[in-house]
Amino acid sequence: MKPNFLETQRKESFQSWRFRTLLNWYPMFFGTGGHILFWSGDWREVHVRLRRSIWTYNYVGTIFGGSMFSATDPFYMVMLLKVLGNRYVVWDKSASIRCRKPGRQTLYARFELTDEQLETIRQDVATNGQTERTFTVQWIDKEGIVYAEIERLCYVADKQHYEARKTDRQRSRFQR
């Protein structure tokens, strides 16, 4: 049973359900110990569960920080790609984790993109050709206690701007 803070008005579509199901079985994600519970049909909201198991516990019997970190990896990048469309290039650029408490029980993470965030990204890219955004996700138990916070920095660019910059970088390498 999902905790109350994961309740949503959004619905899952067949495409997002299929994508979620395939990603849950993708070996690189499966190995994190995370399990995607929900991916909204508009691609703007994702819920992930992380249980303490043989895949996720560390030497002292708590959830390995690396499992918390890696189980949050693809989401904001994939969500942005799906929502913004193929006119944009999106990359995970960097990430950091701050562990607050040792996790001994099931933890949950909620990823969400708001209309305001998306509009700001679109405006920044329209103005500058590119932008970077930091997204924060928390691992929380059923009582709402935060166990870890992960910050993920995503790079978003207009595809034409990105290709022009890439060509300029390659040209400058050969001119040295």
Protein backbone atom coordinates (compact mmCIF):
# COMPACT_ATOMS: atom_id res chain seq x y z
CA MET A 1 0.00 0.00 0.00
CA LYS A 2 1.33 3.40 -1.01
CA PRO A 3 1.78 6.11 1.61
CA ASN A 4 -0.59 9.10 1.50
CA PHE A 5 2.05 11.51 0.18
CA LEU A 6 2.19 9.52 -3.07
CA GLU A 7 -1.50 10.10 -3.86
CA THR A 8 -2.00 11.91 -7.15
CA GLN A 9 -4.72 13.08 -9.52
CA ARG A 10 -2.68 12.01 -12.52
CA LYS A 11 -3.33 8.74 -14.32
CA GLU A 12 -0.96 6.27 -15.91
CA SER A 13 -1.31 5.70 -19.68
CA PHE A 14 -0.62 2.44 -21.47
CA GLN A 15 2.60 3.94 -22.88
CA SER A 16 3.86 5.11 -19.48
CA TRP A 17 2.83 1.81 -17.86
CA ARG A 18 4.72 -0.15 -20.54
CA PHE A 19 7.77 2.10 -20.20
CA ARG A 20 7.67 1.75 -16.39
CA THR A 21 7.37 -2.03 -16.62
CA LEU A 22 10.29 -2.32 -19.05
CA LEU A 23 12.47 0.02 -16.99
CA ASN A 24 11.75 -2.00 -13.83
CA TRP A 25 13.25 -5.03 -15.62
CA TYR A 26 16.12 -3.16 -17.26
CA PRO A 27 19.23 -4.69 -15.61
CA MET A 28 20.92 -1.36 -14.82
CA PHE A 29 17.84 -0.09 -12.96
CA PHE A 30 16.81 -3.46 -11.53
CA GLY A 31 20.25 -3.73 -9.92
CA THR A 32 19.67 -0.56 -7.89
CA GLY A 33 16.93 -2.28 -5.87
CA GLY A 34 14.47 0.47 -6.81
CA HIS A 35 11.01 -0.28 -8.14
CA ILE A 36 8.92 2.23 -10.11
CA LEU A 37 5.38 2.18 -8.74
CA PHE A 38 3.81 4.84 -10.97
CA TRP A 39 4.67 6.93 -14.04
CA SER A 40 1.98 9.39 -15.10
CA GLY A 41 0.68 9.41 -18.65
CA ASP A 42 1.79 13.03 -19.08
CA TRP A 43 5.33 11.94 -18.02
CA ARG A 44 5.44 14.62 -15.27
CA GLU A 45 5.26 12.45 -12.15
CA VAL A 46 7.05 9.27 -11.02
CA HIS A 47 6.92 7.32 -7.75
CA VAL A 48 9.73 4.95 -6.77
CA ARG A 49 10.05 2.51 -3.87
CA LEU A 50 13.31 1.26 -2.36
CA ARG A 51 13.15 -1.67 0.05
CA ARG A 52 15.97 -2.95 2.24
CA SER A 53 16.86 -6.26 0.62
CA ILE A 54 19.76 -8.46 -0.37
CA TRP A 55 20.35 -6.01 -3.25
CA THR A 56 20.30 -2.85 -1.14
CA TYR A 57 21.64 -3.41 2.36
CA ASN A 58 25.15 -2.50 3.44
CA TYR A 59 27.62 -3.88 5.97
CA VAL A 60 25.72 -2.43 8.97
CA GLY A 61 22.30 -3.61 7.73
CA THR A 62 20.90 -0.30 6.48
CA ILE A 63 20.04 0.73 2.93
CA PHE A 64 23.22 1.41 1.00
CA GLY A 65 23.58 5.09 0.08
CA GLY A 66 24.63 4.01 -3.40
CA SER A 67 21.27 2.29 -3.86
CA MET A 68 19.45 5.46 -2.83
CA PHE A 69 21.63 7.47 -5.20
CA SER A 70 21.44 5.17 -8.23
CA ALA A 71 17.71 4.45 -7.90
CA THR A 72 17.05 8.15 -8.62
CA ASP A 73 19.28 8.28 -11.69
CA PRO A 74 17.30 8.37 -14.91
CA PHE A 75 14.07 10.04 -13.93
CA TYR A 76 14.37 13.80 -14.32
CA MET A 77 16.34 13.42 -17.55
CA VAL A 78 13.80 11.00 -19.06
CA MET A 79 10.84 13.04 -17.82
CA LEU A 80 12.25 16.19 -19.42
CA LEU A 81 12.95 14.36 -22.69
CA LYS A 82 9.40 12.99 -22.82
CA VAL A 83 7.69 16.28 -21.87
CA LEU A 84 9.82 18.72 -23.88
CA GLY A 85 10.02 16.58 -27.01
CA ASN A 86 12.69 15.94 -29.61
CA ARG A 87 13.54 19.63 -30.25
CA TYR A 88 15.58 19.53 -27.05
CA VAL A 89 18.74 17.80 -25.83
CA VAL A 90 18.70 16.78 -22.15
CA TRP A 91 21.61 15.41 -20.12
CA ASP A 92 22.11 14.52 -16.48
CA LYS A 93 25.12 16.67 -15.73
CA SER A 94 25.90 16.00 -12.06
CA ALA A 95 24.35 14.80 -8.84
CA SER A 96 25.01 14.75 -5.11
CA ILE A 97 23.51 12.94 -2.13
CA ARG A 98 23.12 13.97 1.47
CA CYS A 99 22.22 11.07 3.77
CA ARG A 100 20.21 12.28 6.77
CA LYS A 101 19.42 9.00 8.58
CA PRO A 102 20.20 5.31 8.11
CA GLY A 103 17.35 3.66 6.21
CA ARG A 104 16.09 0.44 7.77
CA GLN A 105 12.63 0.31 6.21
CA THR A 106 11.01 0.86 2.83
CA LEU A 107 11.64 4.33 1.40
CA TYR A 108 9.78 6.25 -1.30
CA ALA A 109 10.74 9.00 -3.73
CA ARG A 110 8.45 11.25 -5.74
CA PHE A 111 9.64 13.03 -8.87
CA GLU A 112 7.49 15.81 -10.27
CA LEU A 113 7.78 18.47 -12.96
CA THR A 114 5.53 21.49 -12.50
CA ASP A 115 4.14 23.77 -15.19
CA GLU A 116 6.22 26.61 -13.74
CA GLN A 117 9.47 24.62 -13.95
CA LEU A 118 8.77 23.61 -17.54
CA GLU A 119 7.84 27.15 -18.59
CA THR A 120 11.02 28.55 -17.01
CA ILE A 121 13.12 25.93 -18.80
CA ARG A 122 11.46 26.68 -22.15
CA GLN A 123 11.93 30.44 -21.69
CA ASP A 124 15.59 30.09 -20.66
CA VAL A 125 16.32 27.84 -23.63
CA ALA A 126 14.49 30.20 -26.00
CA THR A 127 16.56 33.12 -24.65
CA ASN A 128 19.99 31.49 -24.15
CA GLY A 129 19.87 28.33 -26.25
CA GLN A 130 20.52 26.26 -23.11
CA THR A 131 19.93 26.11 -19.38
CA GLU A 132 20.73 24.04 -16.31
CA ARG A 133 18.26 23.12 -13.59
CA THR A 134 18.78 21.46 -10.23
CA PHE A 135 16.05 19.10 -9.07
CA THR A 136 15.86 17.75 -5.52
CA VAL A 137 14.34 14.41 -4.63
CA GLN A 138 13.99 12.97 -1.14
CA TRP A 139 13.85 9.40 0.11
CA ILE A 140 11.03 9.34 2.68
CA ASP A 141 9.45 6.61 4.80
CA LYS A 142 5.68 6.12 5.33
CA GLU A 143 5.70 8.57 8.24
CA GLY A 144 7.23 11.30 6.07
CA ILE A 145 10.71 11.21 7.65
CA VAL A 146 13.47 12.20 5.22
CA TYR A 147 16.38 9.75 5.00
CA ALA A 148 18.31 11.22 2.08
CA GLU A 149 18.20 14.14 -0.34
CA ILE A 150 19.58 13.89 -3.84
CA GLU A 151 20.21 16.90 -6.05
CA ARG A 152 20.38 16.27 -9.78
CA LEU A 153 21.61 18.89 -12.21
CA CYS A 154 20.11 18.59 -15.70
CA TYR A 155 21.33 20.38 -18.81
CA VAL A 156 18.66 21.31 -21.38
CA ALA A 157 19.40 22.85 -24.76
CA ASP A 158 17.75 23.56 -28.06
CA LYS A 159 18.95 20.84 -30.44
CA GLN A 160 20.26 23.35 -33.03
CA HIS A 161 22.14 25.31 -30.35
CA TYR A 162 23.61 22.09 -28.95
CA GLU A 163 24.78 20.87 -32.37
CA ALA A 164 26.34 24.27 -33.15
CA ARG A 165 28.24 24.26 -29.82
CA LYS A 166 29.36 20.69 -30.37
CA THR A 167 30.68 21.57 -33.84
CA ASP A 168 32.50 24.62 -32.43
CA ARG A 169 34.14 22.52 -29.69
CA GLN A 170 35.27 19.90 -32.17
CA ARG A 171 36.60 22.55 -34.55
CA SER A 172 38.59 24.22 -31.75
CA ARG A 173 40.20 20.88 -30.79
CA PHE A 174 41.57 20.40 -34.27
CA GLN A 175 42.84 23.98 -34.60
CA ARG A 176 45.29 23.69 -31.69
